[in-house]
PDB file of N, CA and C in Angstrom:
ATOM      1  N   MET A   1      -3.318 -63.024   4.513  1.00  0.00           N
ATOM      2  CA  MET A   1      -3.484 -63.486   5.871  1.00  0.00           C
ATOM      3  C   MET A   1      -2.758 -62.520   6.808  1.00  0.00           C
ATOM      4  N   ASP A   2      -3.453 -62.037   7.819  1.00  0.00           N
ATOM      5  CA  ASP A   2      -2.895 -61.030   8.723  1.00  0.00           C
ATOM      6  C   ASP A   2      -1.956 -61.596   9.781  1.00  0.00           C
ATOM      7  N   PHE A   3      -2.172 -62.876  10.166  1.00  0.00           N
ATOM      8  CA  PHE A   3      -1.389 -63.469  11.249  1.00  0.00           C
ATOM      9  C   PHE A   3      -0.962 -64.890  10.903  1.00  0.00           C
ATOM     10  N   VAL A   4       0.198 -65.276  11.423  1.00  0.00           N
ATOM     11  CA  VAL A   4       0.658 -66.660  11.420  1.00  0.00           C
ATOM     12  C   VAL A   4       1.009 -67.002  12.862  1.00  0.00           C
ATOM     13  N   TYR A   5       1.219 -68.284  13.122  1.00  0.00           N
ATOM     14  CA  TYR A   5       1.404 -68.752  14.491  1.00  0.00           C
ATOM     15  C   TYR A   5       2.636 -69.634  14.594  1.00  0.00           C
ATOM     16  N   LYS A   6       3.315 -69.512  15.735  1.00  0.00           N
ATOM     17  CA  LYS A   6       4.534 -70.279  15.994  1.00  0.00           C
ATOM     18  C   LYS A   6       4.417 -70.958  17.348  1.00  0.00           C
ATOM     19  N   ILE A   7       4.664 -72.243  17.374  1.00  0.00           N
ATOM     20  CA  ILE A   7       4.709 -73.006  18.628  1.00  0.00           C
ATOM     21  C   ILE A   7       6.171 -73.067  19.059  1.00  0.00           C
ATOM     22  N   CYS A   8       6.409 -72.763  20.331  1.00  0.00           N
ATOM     23  CA  CYS A   8       7.768 -72.845  20.848  1.00  0.00           C
ATOM     24  C   CYS A   8       7.727 -73.210  22.325  1.00  0.00           C
ATOM     25  N   THR A   9       8.864 -73.600  22.846  1.00  0.00           N
ATOM     26  CA  THR A   9       8.960 -73.926  24.269  1.00  0.00           C
ATOM     27  C   THR A   9       9.147 -72.644  25.079  1.00  0.00           C
ATOM     28  N   LYS A  10       8.962 -72.740  26.371  1.00  0.00           N
ATOM     29  CA  LYS A  10       9.173 -71.593  27.251  1.00  0.00           C
ATOM     30  C   LYS A  10      10.623 -71.125  27.165  1.00  0.00           C
ATOM     31  N   ASN A  11      11.566 -72.058  27.124  1.00  0.00           N
ATOM     32  CA  ASN A  11      12.986 -71.688  27.018  1.00  0.00           C
ATOM     33  C   ASN A  11      13.277 -70.950  25.719  1.00  0.00           C
ATOM     34  N   GLU A  12      12.693 -71.416  24.617  1.00  0.00           N
ATOM     35  CA  GLU A  12      12.883 -70.739  23.334  1.00  0.00           C
ATOM     36  C   GLU A  12      12.291 -69.334  23.370  1.00  0.00           C
ATOM     37  N   LEU A  13      11.107 -69.211  23.981  1.00  0.00           N
ATOM     38  CA  LEU A  13      10.465 -67.900  24.094  1.00  0.00           C
ATOM     39  C   LEU A  13      11.284 -66.963  24.973  1.00  0.00           C
ATOM     40  N   ASP A  14      11.792 -67.465  26.086  1.00  0.00           N
ATOM     41  CA  ASP A  14      12.632 -66.639  26.966  1.00  0.00           C
ATOM     42  C   ASP A  14      13.867 -66.137  26.217  1.00  0.00           C
ATOM     43  N   ASN A  15      14.486 -67.005  25.435  1.00  0.00           N
ATOM     44  CA  ASN A  15      15.651 -66.623  24.637  1.00  0.00           C
ATOM     45  C   ASN A  15      15.265 -65.567  23.605  1.00  0.00           C
ATOM     46  N   PHE A  16      14.134 -65.762  22.959  1.00  0.00           N
ATOM     47  CA  PHE A  16      13.641 -64.819  21.959  1.00  0.00           C
ATOM     48  C   PHE A  16      13.411 -63.444  22.577  1.00  0.00           C
ATOM     49  N   ARG A  17      12.813 -63.403  23.745  1.00  0.00           N
ATOM     50  CA  ARG A  17      12.571 -62.125  24.438  1.00  0.00           C
ATOM     51  C   ARG A  17      13.885 -61.404  24.740  1.00  0.00           C
ATOM     52  N   GLU A  18      14.899 -62.184  25.048  1.00  0.00           N
ATOM     53  CA  GLU A  18      16.201 -61.605  25.407  1.00  0.00           C
ATOM     54  C   GLU A  18      16.945 -61.054  24.190  1.00  0.00           C
ATOM     55  N   ILE A  19      16.939 -61.811  23.089  1.00  0.00           N
ATOM     56  CA  ILE A  19      17.748 -61.403  21.932  1.00  0.00           C
ATOM     57  C   ILE A  19      16.984 -60.517  20.942  1.00  0.00           C
ATOM     58  N   LYS A  20      15.659 -60.541  20.992  1.00  0.00           N
ATOM     59  CA  LYS A  20      14.776 -59.681  20.186  1.00  0.00           C
ATOM     60  C   LYS A  20      14.708 -60.002  18.691  1.00  0.00           C
ATOM     61  N   LEU A  21      15.723 -60.629  18.139  1.00  0.00           N
ATOM     62  CA  LEU A  21      15.754 -60.984  16.725  1.00  0.00           C
ATOM     63  C   LEU A  21      16.094 -62.469  16.657  1.00  0.00           C
ATOM     64  N   TRP A  22      15.125 -63.281  16.286  1.00  0.00           N
ATOM     65  CA  TRP A  22      15.197 -64.733  16.475  1.00  0.00           C
ATOM     66  C   TRP A  22      15.353 -65.469  15.155  1.00  0.00           C
ATOM     67  N   GLN A  23      16.208 -66.473  15.167  1.00  0.00           N
ATOM     68  CA  GLN A  23      16.399 -67.350  14.008  1.00  0.00           C
ATOM     69  C   GLN A  23      15.459 -68.556  14.054  1.00  0.00           C
ATOM     70  N   GLY A  24      14.742 -68.708  15.175  1.00  0.00           N
ATOM     71  CA  GLY A  24      13.813 -69.821  15.322  1.00  0.00           C
ATOM     72  C   GLY A  24      14.356 -70.923  16.196  1.00  0.00           C
ATOM     73  N   THR A  25      13.659 -72.039  16.178  1.00  0.00           N
ATOM     74  CA  THR A  25      14.029 -73.200  16.971  1.00  0.00           C
ATOM     75  C   THR A  25      15.211 -73.922  16.323  1.00  0.00           C
ATOM     76  N   LYS A  26      15.721 -74.928  17.002  1.00  0.00           N
ATOM     77  CA  LYS A  26      16.815 -75.718  16.442  1.00  0.00           C
ATOM     78  C   LYS A  26      16.403 -76.309  15.088  1.00  0.00           C
ATOM     79  N   LYS A  27      15.186 -76.816  14.992  1.00  0.00           N
ATOM     80  CA  LYS A  27      14.674 -77.388  13.735  1.00  0.00           C
ATOM     81  C   LYS A  27      14.599 -76.309  12.653  1.00  0.00           C
ATOM     82  N   ASP A  28      14.128 -75.124  13.013  1.00  0.00           N
ATOM     83  CA  ASP A  28      14.058 -74.023  12.041  1.00  0.00           C
ATOM     84  C   ASP A  28      15.438 -73.707  11.488  1.00  0.00           C
ATOM     85  N   ILE A  29      16.402 -73.610  12.375  1.00  0.00           N
ATOM     86  CA  ILE A  29      17.773 -73.279  11.965  1.00  0.00           C
ATOM     87  C   ILE A  29      18.323 -74.366  11.043  1.00  0.00           C
ATOM     88  N   GLU A  30      18.069 -75.631  11.384  1.00  0.00           N
ATOM     89  CA  GLU A  30      18.511 -76.745  10.544  1.00  0.00           C
ATOM     90  C   GLU A  30      17.877 -76.688   9.162  1.00  0.00           C
ATOM     91  N   ASP A  31      16.591 -76.317   9.093  1.00  0.00           N
ATOM     92  CA  ASP A  31      15.862 -76.292   7.821  1.00  0.00           C
ATOM     93  C   ASP A  31      16.102 -75.018   7.016  1.00  0.00           C
ATOM     94  N   GLY A  32      16.621 -73.961   7.646  1.00  0.00           N
ATOM     95  CA  GLY A  32      16.934 -72.726   6.938  1.00  0.00           C
ATOM     96  C   GLY A  32      15.785 -71.735   6.863  1.00  0.00           C
ATOM     97  N   PHE A  33      14.730 -71.973   7.618  1.00  0.00           N
ATOM     98  CA  PHE A  33      13.595 -71.056   7.680  1.00  0.00           C
ATOM     99  C   PHE A  33      12.803 -71.315   8.949  1.00  0.00           C
ATOM    100  N   ILE A  34      11.996 -70.327   9.347  1.00  0.00           N
ATOM    101  CA  ILE A  34      11.157 -70.471  10.533  1.00  0.00           C
ATOM    102  C   ILE A  34       9.807 -71.035  10.104  1.00  0.00           C
ATOM    103  N   HIS A  35       9.435 -72.148  10.712  1.00  0.00           N
ATOM    104  CA  HIS A  35       8.161 -72.817  10.429  1.00  0.00           C
ATOM    105  C   HIS A  35       7.026 -72.103  11.156  1.00  0.00           C
ATOM    106  N   PHE A  36       5.977 -71.753  10.430  1.00  0.00           N
ATOM    107  CA  PHE A  36       4.764 -71.189  11.006  1.00  0.00           C
ATOM    108  C   PHE A  36       3.575 -72.043  10.595  1.00  0.00           C
ATOM    109  N   SER A  37       2.436 -71.749  11.185  1.00  0.00           N
ATOM    110  CA  SER A  37       1.159 -72.356  10.803  1.00  0.00           C
ATOM    111  C   SER A  37       0.134 -71.248  10.677  1.00  0.00           C
ATOM    112  N   ASN A  38      -0.903 -71.486   9.865  1.00  0.00           N
ATOM    113  CA  ASN A  38      -2.035 -70.572   9.927  1.00  0.00           C
ATOM    114  C   ASN A  38      -2.935 -71.056  11.065  1.00  0.00           C
ATOM    115  N   ILE A  39      -3.973 -70.323  11.375  1.00  0.00           N
ATOM    116  CA  ILE A  39      -4.801 -70.655  12.535  1.00  0.00           C
ATOM    117  C   ILE A  39      -5.401 -72.055  12.428  1.00  0.00           C
ATOM    118  N   ASP A  40      -5.735 -72.479  11.215  1.00  0.00           N
ATOM    119  CA  ASP A  40      -6.349 -73.792  11.024  1.00  0.00           C
ATOM    120  C   ASP A  40      -5.344 -74.929  11.086  1.00  0.00           C
ATOM    121  N   GLN A  41      -4.060 -74.637  11.000  1.00  0.00           N
ATOM    122  CA  GLN A  41      -3.018 -75.660  11.001  1.00  0.00           C
ATOM    123  C   GLN A  41      -2.384 -75.879  12.367  1.00  0.00           C
ATOM    124  N   VAL A  42      -2.642 -74.991  13.305  1.00  0.00           N
ATOM    125  CA  VAL A  42      -1.965 -75.039  14.609  1.00  0.00           C
ATOM    126  C   VAL A  42      -2.201 -76.364  15.323  1.00  0.00           C
ATOM    127  N   GLU A  43      -3.436 -76.793  15.402  1.00  0.00           N
ATOM    128  CA  GLU A  43      -3.745 -78.022  16.137  1.00  0.00           C
ATOM    129  C   GLU A  43      -3.050 -79.238  15.528  1.00  0.00           C
ATOM    130  N   LYS A  44      -3.041 -79.344  14.195  1.00  0.00           N
ATOM    131  CA  LYS A  44      -2.357 -80.462  13.524  1.00  0.00           C
ATOM    132  C   LYS A  44      -0.859 -80.422  13.782  1.00  0.00           C
ATOM    133  N   THR A  45      -0.274 -79.228  13.700  1.00  0.00           N
ATOM    134  CA  THR A  45       1.160 -79.077  13.941  1.00  0.00           C
ATOM    135  C   THR A  45       1.498 -79.474  15.376  1.00  0.00           C
ATOM    136  N   LEU A  46       0.672 -79.040  16.299  1.00  0.00           N
ATOM    137  CA  LEU A  46       0.878 -79.364  17.700  1.00  0.00           C
ATOM    138  C   LEU A  46       0.854 -80.873  17.924  1.00  0.00           C
ATOM    139  N   LYS A  47      -0.121 -81.540  17.372  1.00  0.00           N
ATOM    140  CA  LYS A  47      -0.245 -82.999  17.545  1.00  0.00           C
ATOM    141  C   LYS A  47       0.893 -83.751  16.873  1.00  0.00           C
ATOM    142  N   LYS A  48       1.303 -83.289  15.684  1.00  0.00           N
ATOM    143  CA  LYS A  48       2.323 -84.005  14.922  1.00  0.00           C
ATOM    144  C   LYS A  48       3.729 -83.849  15.498  1.00  0.00           C
ATOM    145  N   TYR A  49       4.067 -82.644  15.951  1.00  0.00           N
ATOM    146  CA  TYR A  49       5.455 -82.376  16.348  1.00  0.00           C
ATOM    147  C   TYR A  49       5.679 -82.125  17.836  1.00  0.00           C
ATOM    148  N   TYR A  50       4.615 -81.848  18.589  1.00  0.00           N
ATOM    149  CA  TYR A  50       4.806 -81.433  19.977  1.00  0.00           C
ATOM    150  C   TYR A  50       3.969 -82.233  20.972  1.00  0.00           C
ATOM    151  N   SER A  51       3.431 -83.368  20.577  1.00  0.00           N
ATOM    152  CA  SER A  51       2.472 -84.088  21.416  1.00  0.00           C
ATOM    153  C   SER A  51       3.047 -84.527  22.765  1.00  0.00           C
ATOM    154  N   ASP A  52       4.347 -84.744  22.836  1.00  0.00           N
ATOM    155  CA  ASP A  52       4.946 -85.225  24.084  1.00  0.00           C
ATOM    156  C   ASP A  52       5.684 -84.129  24.854  1.00  0.00           C
ATOM    157  N   GLN A  53       5.487 -82.866  24.454  1.00  0.00           N
ATOM    158  CA  GLN A  53       6.225 -81.781  25.102  1.00  0.00           C
ATOM    159  C   GLN A  53       5.331 -80.952  26.021  1.00  0.00           C
ATOM    160  N   LYS A  54       5.952 -80.402  27.020  1.00  0.00           N
ATOM    161  CA  LYS A  54       5.276 -79.514  27.975  1.00  0.00           C
ATOM    162  C   LYS A  54       5.891 -78.122  27.877  1.00  0.00           C
ATOM    163  N   ASN A  55       5.313 -77.167  28.606  1.00  0.00           N
ATOM    164  CA  ASN A  55       5.819 -75.789  28.639  1.00  0.00           C
ATOM    165  C   ASN A  55       5.880 -75.161  27.252  1.00  0.00           C
ATOM    166  N   LEU A  56       4.785 -75.325  26.506  1.00  0.00           N
ATOM    167  CA  LEU A  56       4.716 -74.777  25.157  1.00  0.00           C
ATOM    168  C   LEU A  56       3.917 -73.477  25.129  1.00  0.00           C
ATOM    169  N   PHE A  57       4.285 -72.620  24.198  1.00  0.00           N
ATOM    170  CA  PHE A  57       3.590 -71.355  23.986  1.00  0.00           C
ATOM    171  C   PHE A  57       3.226 -71.220  22.514  1.00  0.00           C
ATOM    172  N   LEU A  58       2.127 -70.528  22.277  1.00  0.00           N
ATOM    173  CA  LEU A  58       1.697 -70.207  20.924  1.00  0.00           C
ATOM    174  C   LEU A  58       1.867 -68.711  20.725  1.00  0.00           C
ATOM    175  N   LEU A  59       2.679 -68.350  19.733  1.00  0.00           N
ATOM    176  CA  LEU A  59       2.922 -66.949  19.413  1.00  0.00           C
ATOM    177  C   LEU A  59       2.062 -66.559  18.213  1.00  0.00           C
ATOM    178  N   LYS A  60       1.410 -65.423  18.318  1.00  0.00           N
ATOM    179  CA  LYS A  60       0.629 -64.863  17.217  1.00  0.00           C
ATOM    180  C   LYS A  60       1.466 -63.754  16.598  1.00  0.00           C
ATOM    181  N   ILE A  61       1.751 -63.887  15.311  1.00  0.00           N
ATOM    182  CA  ILE A  61       2.689 -63.003  14.646  1.00  0.00           C
ATOM    183  C   ILE A  61       1.998 -62.244  13.516  1.00  0.00           C
ATOM    184  N   LYS A  62       2.151 -60.945  13.540  1.00  0.00           N
ATOM    185  CA  LYS A  62       1.596 -60.089  12.491  1.00  0.00           C
ATOM    186  C   LYS A  62       2.457 -60.225  11.231  1.00  0.00           C
ATOM    187  N   THR A  63       1.809 -60.484  10.110  1.00  0.00           N
ATOM    188  CA  THR A  63       2.560 -60.770   8.887  1.00  0.00           C
ATOM    189  C   THR A  63       2.922 -59.542   8.062  1.00  0.00           C
ATOM    190  N   SER A  64       2.301 -58.409   8.314  1.00  0.00           N
ATOM    191  CA  SER A  64       2.474 -57.245   7.425  1.00  0.00           C
ATOM    192  C   SER A  64       3.912 -56.749   7.316  1.00  0.00           C
ATOM    193  N   LYS A  65       4.722 -56.962   8.339  1.00  0.00           N
ATOM    194  CA  LYS A  65       6.105 -56.476   8.291  1.00  0.00           C
ATOM    195  C   LYS A  65       7.134 -57.600   8.115  1.00  0.00           C
ATOM    196  N   LEU A  66       6.654 -58.808   7.868  1.00  0.00           N
ATOM    197  CA  LEU A  66       7.581 -59.924   7.687  1.00  0.00           C
ATOM    198  C   LEU A  66       8.128 -59.919   6.267  1.00  0.00           C
ATOM    199  N   GLU A  67       9.438 -59.900   6.178  1.00  0.00           N
ATOM    200  CA  GLU A  67      10.076 -59.998   4.875  1.00  0.00           C
ATOM    201  C   GLU A  67      10.380 -61.460   4.602  1.00  0.00           C
ATOM    202  N   LYS A  68      10.213 -61.850   3.364  1.00  0.00           N
ATOM    203  CA  LYS A  68      10.550 -63.207   2.919  1.00  0.00           C
ATOM    204  C   LYS A  68       9.657 -64.279   3.543  1.00  0.00           C
ATOM    205  N   LEU A  69       8.369 -63.974   3.753  1.00  0.00           N
ATOM    206  CA  LEU A  69       7.393 -64.973   4.187  1.00  0.00           C
ATOM    207  C   LEU A  69       6.825 -65.634   2.934  1.00  0.00           C
ATOM    208  N   ILE A  70       7.039 -66.934   2.825  1.00  0.00           N
ATOM    209  CA  ILE A  70       6.635 -67.673   1.625  1.00  0.00           C
ATOM    210  C   ILE A  70       5.748 -68.844   2.038  1.00  0.00           C
ATOM    211  N   TRP A  71       4.641 -69.006   1.326  1.00  0.00           N
ATOM    212  CA  TRP A  71       3.723 -70.133   1.562  1.00  0.00           C
ATOM    213  C   TRP A  71       4.168 -71.267   0.648  1.00  0.00           C
ATOM    214  N   GLU A  72       4.556 -72.401   1.279  1.00  0.00           N
ATOM    215  CA  GLU A  72       5.103 -73.509   0.512  1.00  0.00           C
ATOM    216  C   GLU A  72       4.355 -74.804   0.795  1.00  0.00           C
ATOM    217  N   ASP A  73       4.323 -75.651  -0.221  1.00  0.00           N
ATOM    218  CA  ASP A  73       3.669 -76.950  -0.117  1.00  0.00           C
ATOM    219  C   ASP A  73       4.443 -77.829   0.864  1.00  0.00           C
ATOM    220  N   SER A  74       3.723 -78.439   1.787  1.00  0.00           N
ATOM    221  CA  SER A  74       4.368 -79.279   2.801  1.00  0.00           C
ATOM    222  C   SER A  74       4.540 -80.720   2.338  1.00  0.00           C
ATOM    223  N   GLY A  75       4.120 -81.024   1.127  1.00  0.00           N
ATOM    224  CA  GLY A  75       4.246 -82.378   0.624  1.00  0.00           C
ATOM    225  C   GLY A  75       2.907 -83.102   0.558  1.00  0.00           C
ATOM    226  N   ASN A  76       1.912 -82.575   1.264  1.00  0.00           N
ATOM    227  CA  ASN A  76       0.590 -83.203   1.242  1.00  0.00           C
ATOM    228  C   ASN A  76      -0.433 -82.298   0.552  1.00  0.00           C
ATOM    229  N   GLY A  77       0.063 -81.306  -0.183  1.00  0.00           N
ATOM    230  CA  GLY A  77      -0.818 -80.398  -0.899  1.00  0.00           C
ATOM    231  C   GLY A  77      -1.243 -79.186  -0.085  1.00  0.00           C
ATOM    232  N   GLU A  78      -0.919 -79.184   1.195  1.00  0.00           N
ATOM    233  CA  GLU A  78      -1.270 -78.060   2.063  1.00  0.00           C
ATOM    234  C   GLU A  78      -0.107 -77.076   2.115  1.00  0.00           C
ATOM    235  N   LYS A  79      -0.399 -75.802   2.023  1.00  0.00           N
ATOM    236  CA  LYS A  79       0.657 -74.783   2.052  1.00  0.00           C
ATOM    237  C   LYS A  79       0.835 -74.242   3.470  1.00  0.00           C
ATOM    238  N   PHE A  80       2.096 -74.182   3.896  1.00  0.00           N
ATOM    239  CA  PHE A  80       2.455 -73.654   5.208  1.00  0.00           C
ATOM    240  C   PHE A  80       3.321 -72.419   5.028  1.00  0.00           C
ATOM    241  N   PRO A  81       3.193 -71.451   5.944  1.00  0.00           N
ATOM    242  CA  PRO A  81       4.035 -70.250   5.874  1.00  0.00           C
ATOM    243  C   PRO A  81       5.431 -70.517   6.440  1.00  0.00           C
ATOM    244  N   HIS A  82       6.434 -70.113   5.680  1.00  0.00           N
ATOM    245  CA  HIS A  82       7.832 -70.252   6.088  1.00  0.00           C
ATOM    246  C   HIS A  82       8.494 -68.887   5.979  1.00  0.00           C
ATOM    247  N   LEU A  83       9.242 -68.525   7.005  1.00  0.00           N
ATOM    248  CA  LEU A  83       9.930 -67.239   7.022  1.00  0.00           C
ATOM    249  C   LEU A  83      11.417 -67.449   6.761  1.00  0.00           C
ATOM    250  N   TYR A  84      11.898 -66.863   5.662  1.00  0.00           N
ATOM    251  CA  TYR A  84      13.301 -66.975   5.274  1.00  0.00           C
ATOM    252  C   TYR A  84      14.092 -65.749   5.716  1.00  0.00           C
ATOM    253  N   SER A  85      13.851 -65.320   6.930  1.00  0.00           N
ATOM    254  CA  SER A  85      14.611 -64.238   7.552  1.00  0.00           C
ATOM    255  C   SER A  85      14.415 -64.357   9.059  1.00  0.00           C
ATOM    256  N   SER A  86      15.059 -63.504   9.805  1.00  0.00           N
ATOM    257  CA  SER A  86      14.894 -63.489  11.261  1.00  0.00           C
ATOM    258  C   SER A  86      13.512 -62.951  11.619  1.00  0.00           C
ATOM    259  N   LEU A  87      13.057 -63.295  12.811  1.00  0.00           N
ATOM    260  CA  LEU A  87      11.787 -62.799  13.319  1.00  0.00           C
ATOM    261  C   LEU A  87      12.062 -61.783  14.417  1.00  0.00           C
ATOM    262  N   ASN A  88      11.532 -60.588  14.260  1.00  0.00           N
ATOM    263  CA  ASN A  88      11.689 -59.534  15.252  1.00  0.00           C
ATOM    264  C   ASN A  88      10.603 -59.679  16.313  1.00  0.00           C
ATOM    265  N   ILE A  89      10.966 -59.557  17.558  1.00  0.00           N
ATOM    266  CA  ILE A  89      10.017 -59.690  18.675  1.00  0.00           C
ATOM    267  C   ILE A  89       8.858 -58.699  18.534  1.00  0.00           C
ATOM    268  N   GLU A  90       9.072 -57.592  17.881  1.00  0.00           N
ATOM    269  CA  GLU A  90       8.024 -56.584  17.701  1.00  0.00           C
ATOM    270  C   GLU A  90       6.857 -57.089  16.855  1.00  0.00           C
ATOM    271  N   ASN A  91       7.077 -58.144  16.066  1.00  0.00           N
ATOM    272  CA  ASN A  91       6.013 -58.709  15.238  1.00  0.00           C
ATOM    273  C   ASN A  91       5.105 -59.666  16.011  1.00  0.00           C
ATOM    274  N   VAL A  92       5.492 -60.023  17.230  1.00  0.00           N
ATOM    275  CA  VAL A  92       4.660 -60.901  18.060  1.00  0.00           C
ATOM    276  C   VAL A  92       3.618 -60.031  18.758  1.00  0.00           C
ATOM    277  N   VAL A  93       2.352 -60.262  18.426  1.00  0.00           N
ATOM    278  CA  VAL A  93       1.285 -59.432  18.972  1.00  0.00           C
ATOM    279  C   VAL A  93       0.567 -60.093  20.149  1.00  0.00           C
ATOM    280  N   ASP A  94       0.766 -61.404  20.324  1.00  0.00           N
ATOM    281  CA  ASP A  94       0.141 -62.106  21.445  1.00  0.00           C
ATOM    282  C   ASP A  94       0.884 -63.405  21.676  1.00  0.00           C
ATOM    283  N   GLN A  95       0.800 -63.885  22.892  1.00  0.00           N
ATOM    284  CA  GLN A  95       1.378 -65.181  23.241  1.00  0.00           C
ATOM    285  C   GLN A  95       0.500 -65.818  24.305  1.00  0.00           C
ATOM    286  N   LYS A  96       0.314 -67.123  24.167  1.00  0.00           N
ATOM    287  CA  LYS A  96      -0.503 -67.849  25.130  1.00  0.00           C
ATOM    288  C   LYS A  96       0.174 -69.165  25.454  1.00  0.00           C
ATOM    289  N   GLU A  97       0.113 -69.524  26.723  1.00  0.00           N
ATOM    290  CA  GLU A  97       0.621 -70.836  27.101  1.00  0.00           C
ATOM    291  C   GLU A  97      -0.357 -71.888  26.606  1.00  0.00           C
ATOM    292  N   ILE A  98       0.185 -72.957  26.064  1.00  0.00           N
ATOM    293  CA  ILE A  98      -0.651 -74.054  25.575  1.00  0.00           C
ATOM    294  C   ILE A  98      -0.855 -75.020  26.737  1.00  0.00           C
ATOM    295  N   ILE A  99      -2.084 -75.060  27.234  1.00  0.00           N
ATOM    296  CA  ILE A  99      -2.413 -75.908  28.372  1.00  0.00           C
ATOM    297  C   ILE A  99      -2.929 -77.261  27.897  1.00  0.00           C
ATOM    298  N   ASP A 100      -3.778 -77.245  26.894  1.00  0.00           N
ATOM    299  CA  ASP A 100      -4.424 -78.444  26.394  1.00  0.00           C
ATOM    300  C   ASP A 100      -4.181 -78.539  24.898  1.00  0.00           C
ATOM    301  N   SER A 101      -3.512 -79.594  24.458  1.00  0.00           N
ATOM    302  CA  SER A 101      -3.158 -79.712  23.047  1.00  0.00           C
ATOM    303  C   SER A 101      -4.388 -79.847  22.142  1.00  0.00           C
ATOM    304  N   GLN A 102      -5.514 -80.211  22.712  1.00  0.00           N
ATOM    305  CA  GLN A 102      -6.732 -80.297  21.909  1.00  0.00           C
ATOM    306  C   GLN A 102      -7.282 -78.907  21.572  1.00  0.00           C
ATOM    307  N   ARG A 103      -7.082 -77.944  22.466  1.00  0.00           N
ATOM    308  CA  ARG A 103      -7.584 -76.585  22.264  1.00  0.00           C
ATOM    309  C   ARG A 103      -6.484 -75.603  22.659  1.00  0.00           C
ATOM    310  N   PRO A 104      -5.486 -75.422  21.764  1.00  0.00           N
ATOM    311  CA  PRO A 104      -4.327 -74.614  22.140  1.00  0.00           C
ATOM    312  C   PRO A 104      -4.574 -73.110  22.215  1.00  0.00           C
ATOM    313  N   PHE A 105      -5.749 -72.648  21.821  1.00  0.00           N
ATOM    314  CA  PHE A 105      -5.975 -71.204  21.838  1.00  0.00           C
ATOM    315  C   PHE A 105      -7.433 -70.927  22.119  1.00  0.00           C
TER     316      PHE A 105
END
């Protein structure tokens, strides 16, 4: 898979742009890895974890230079990409504001 996707708030994205090497969201830091989705999982992730939030962005991340990206079972038989290292801003190839949670991209 060439790309994975990360949902984050505008504040998280602003912080990421400033520091360039990101440990992820508060939840990511608590869990010990950065949570990603593949393109088909983005909408489900958005509905499950971000349905009541505003000012969200979807980051498109190139996977070829990610170290320690592991696809793991989420408990329902579906595998999600998890990054067990920092994310460099240079790996973000696109970002879009999420206006409508039904069609985030």
